[in-house]
Amino acid sequence: MARRLSFNRSGLGRTWLADGTRGFTLIETLLVIVIIGTLTTFAFPFLRKGQERASLRSATDAIAGMHAIARAVASHRARRTVFELGSGVMVIRSTDPLTGAVDSVGAVENMNQRFTVDVTSTRDSLVFDARGLGTETSETYIYVRRGSLADTLRVTRLGRVLN
């Protein structure tokens, strides 16, 4: 049994289509689009802040990880090792005590390119002796910033990282 088409003269109501399904009016569709747009407008800043927080946390974790690698290399190879922190570019260099040859350990990490963060510190490099202990006379602070968010890593005189 076929359904008949019903027409609404005002154009605001739903109408039966030829196959018996119902459709949405233009006003209903526009209303849904406006609601979705409004919710997106309010949700976007919260999503962006979450992305900034995640990037900041990832950068601080990467710095702490590289610091741990530098200490491990120093004690494992029984060599003086330097963790260089200059202008957001980080590299680990190990010096052979017999030949004086300097080896780079791992890749050079540019924190600004990788995580879109700015990294500054109170010292350009951290030095570890052959036992993996820091040789600094005072604490070192590493500041990581992205947008309005910031985090600080504190490195003790003996080379331990505190968050």
Protein backbone atom coordinates (compact mmCIF):
# COMPACT_ATOMS: atom_id res chain seq x y z
CA MET A 1 0.00 0.00 0.00
CA ALA A 2 1.59 3.27 -1.10
CA ARG A 3 1.61 6.34 1.10
CA ARG A 4 0.26 9.57 -0.14
CA LEU A 5 2.33 12.71 -0.14
CA SER A 6 1.13 15.27 2.33
CA PHE A 7 2.04 18.90 1.85
CA ASN A 8 2.30 21.50 4.53
CA ARG A 9 1.55 24.95 3.16
CA SER A 10 3.56 26.84 5.79
CA GLY A 11 6.71 24.89 4.92
CA LEU A 12 7.70 24.56 8.59
CA GLY A 13 6.37 21.09 9.34
CA ARG A 14 7.67 17.70 8.34
CA THR A 15 6.28 16.12 5.22
CA TRP A 16 5.98 12.53 4.10
CA LEU A 17 8.15 11.69 1.18
CA ALA A 18 7.18 9.39 -1.62
CA ASP A 19 8.85 6.33 -0.05
CA GLY A 20 7.25 6.91 3.35
CA THR A 21 10.31 8.32 5.21
CA ARG A 22 10.24 11.60 7.02
CA GLY A 23 12.77 14.39 6.47
CA PHE A 24 13.99 17.42 8.40
CA THR A 25 13.04 20.95 7.57
CA LEU A 26 15.61 23.60 6.76
CA ILE A 27 15.00 25.37 10.08
CA GLU A 28 15.62 22.18 12.08
CA THR A 29 18.85 21.53 10.18
CA LEU A 30 20.10 25.10 10.65
CA LEU A 31 19.26 24.97 14.35
CA VAL A 32 21.37 21.83 14.80
CA ILE A 33 24.27 23.46 12.90
CA VAL A 34 24.07 26.57 15.12
CA ILE A 35 24.06 24.45 18.29
CA ILE A 36 27.08 22.42 17.13
CA GLY A 37 28.93 25.62 16.19
CA THR A 38 28.21 27.19 19.58
CA LEU A 39 29.41 24.12 21.46
CA THR A 40 32.55 23.99 19.34
CA THR A 41 33.28 27.66 20.02
CA PHE A 42 33.16 27.09 23.77
CA ALA A 43 35.01 23.74 23.73
CA PHE A 44 37.93 24.78 21.49
CA PRO A 45 39.90 26.79 24.12
CA PHE A 46 39.66 23.88 26.57
CA LEU A 47 40.92 21.44 23.96
CA ARG A 48 43.80 23.74 23.04
CA LYS A 49 44.84 24.11 26.69
CA GLY A 50 44.83 20.33 27.01
CA GLN A 51 47.11 20.05 24.00
CA GLU A 52 49.47 22.66 25.46
CA ARG A 53 49.56 20.82 28.80
CA ALA A 54 50.30 17.52 27.08
CA SER A 55 53.08 19.06 25.00
CA LEU A 56 54.61 20.72 28.05
CA ARG A 57 54.48 17.48 30.03
CA SER A 58 56.01 15.52 27.15
CA ALA A 59 58.87 18.01 26.88
CA THR A 60 59.65 17.87 30.61
CA ASP A 61 59.54 14.06 30.49
CA ALA A 62 61.91 14.06 27.49
CA ILE A 63 64.35 16.35 29.32
CA ALA A 64 64.24 14.18 32.44
CA GLY A 65 64.76 11.10 30.26
CA MET A 66 67.79 12.59 28.53
CA HIS A 67 69.16 13.57 31.94
CA ALA A 68 68.77 9.97 33.14
CA ILE A 69 70.53 8.70 30.02
CA ALA A 70 73.44 11.09 30.63
CA ARG A 71 73.86 9.85 34.20
CA ALA A 72 73.60 6.23 33.10
CA VAL A 73 76.19 6.71 30.34
CA ALA A 74 78.59 8.34 32.80
CA SER A 75 78.41 5.48 35.29
CA HIS A 76 78.21 2.67 32.71
CA ARG A 77 81.18 3.87 30.65
CA ALA A 78 83.02 5.27 33.69
CA ARG A 79 83.51 8.52 31.80
CA ARG A 80 82.92 12.18 32.37
CA THR A 81 79.65 13.02 30.59
CA VAL A 82 78.15 16.40 29.79
CA PHE A 83 74.43 17.05 29.25
CA GLU A 84 74.32 20.24 27.18
CA LEU A 85 71.16 22.36 27.49
CA GLY A 86 71.97 25.35 25.31
CA SER A 87 68.97 27.29 23.93
CA GLY A 88 66.56 24.38 23.85
CA VAL A 89 68.90 22.11 21.88
CA MET A 90 70.01 19.17 24.00
CA VAL A 91 72.83 16.73 23.44
CA ILE A 92 74.79 14.28 25.57
CA ARG A 93 78.57 14.12 25.12
CA SER A 94 80.85 11.56 26.74
CA THR A 95 84.64 12.06 26.99
CA ASP A 96 87.08 9.15 26.93
CA PRO A 97 89.56 9.67 29.80
CA LEU A 98 92.47 8.03 27.97
CA THR A 99 92.23 9.51 24.48
CA GLY A 100 90.18 12.62 25.22
CA ALA A 101 87.85 11.74 22.34
CA VAL A 102 84.33 13.11 22.68
CA ASP A 103 81.39 10.92 21.65
CA SER A 104 77.84 12.16 21.15
CA VAL A 105 75.33 9.83 22.78
CA GLY A 106 71.95 9.55 21.09
CA ALA A 107 70.40 12.17 18.87
CA VAL A 108 70.50 15.93 19.23
CA GLU A 109 67.06 17.00 20.47
CA ASN A 110 65.59 20.38 19.59
CA MET A 111 62.78 20.84 22.11
CA ASN A 112 61.29 23.83 20.28
CA GLN A 113 60.86 21.91 17.04
CA ARG A 114 59.75 18.66 18.63
CA PHE A 115 57.34 19.95 21.30
CA THR A 116 56.87 23.64 20.41
CA VAL A 117 58.18 24.74 23.81
CA ASP A 118 60.79 27.22 24.98
CA VAL A 119 63.49 25.81 27.25
CA THR A 120 65.83 27.91 29.37
CA SER A 121 68.05 26.94 32.25
CA THR A 122 70.26 28.51 34.86
CA ARG A 123 73.25 26.60 33.46
CA ASP A 124 74.24 25.69 29.88
CA SER A 125 75.41 22.19 30.76
CA LEU A 126 75.34 19.59 33.50
CA VAL A 127 78.51 17.58 34.11
CA PHE A 128 78.54 14.06 35.56
CA ASP A 129 81.65 12.30 36.81
CA ALA A 130 82.53 8.66 36.09
CA ARG A 131 80.23 7.53 38.93
CA GLY A 132 77.21 9.33 37.43
CA LEU A 133 77.16 12.02 40.11
CA GLY A 134 76.74 15.68 39.34
CA THR A 135 79.76 17.93 39.80
CA GLU A 136 77.92 21.23 40.14
CA THR A 137 78.21 23.41 43.22
CA SER A 138 74.58 24.55 43.19
CA GLU A 139 71.19 23.44 41.95
CA THR A 140 70.22 23.92 38.32
CA TYR A 141 66.73 24.94 37.23
CA ILE A 142 65.35 24.08 33.81
CA TYR A 143 62.31 26.13 32.78
CA VAL A 144 59.95 24.81 30.11
CA ARG A 145 57.26 27.14 28.75
CA ARG A 146 54.53 26.83 26.16
CA GLY A 147 52.07 29.68 25.76
CA SER A 148 50.77 30.67 29.18
CA LEU A 149 51.83 27.39 30.80
CA ALA A 150 55.20 26.69 32.41
CA ASP A 151 56.94 23.90 34.29
CA THR A 152 60.24 23.71 36.15
CA LEU A 153 62.70 20.87 36.61
CA ARG A 154 65.14 21.17 39.48
CA VAL A 155 68.45 19.31 39.30
CA THR A 156 70.25 18.90 42.63
CA ARG A 157 74.00 19.38 43.08
CA LEU A 158 74.53 15.60 42.88
CA GLY A 159 72.53 15.36 39.64
CA ARG A 160 69.12 14.17 40.77
CA VAL A 161 66.06 15.55 38.93
CA LEU A 162 63.17 16.79 41.05
CA ASN A 163 59.89 17.90 39.53
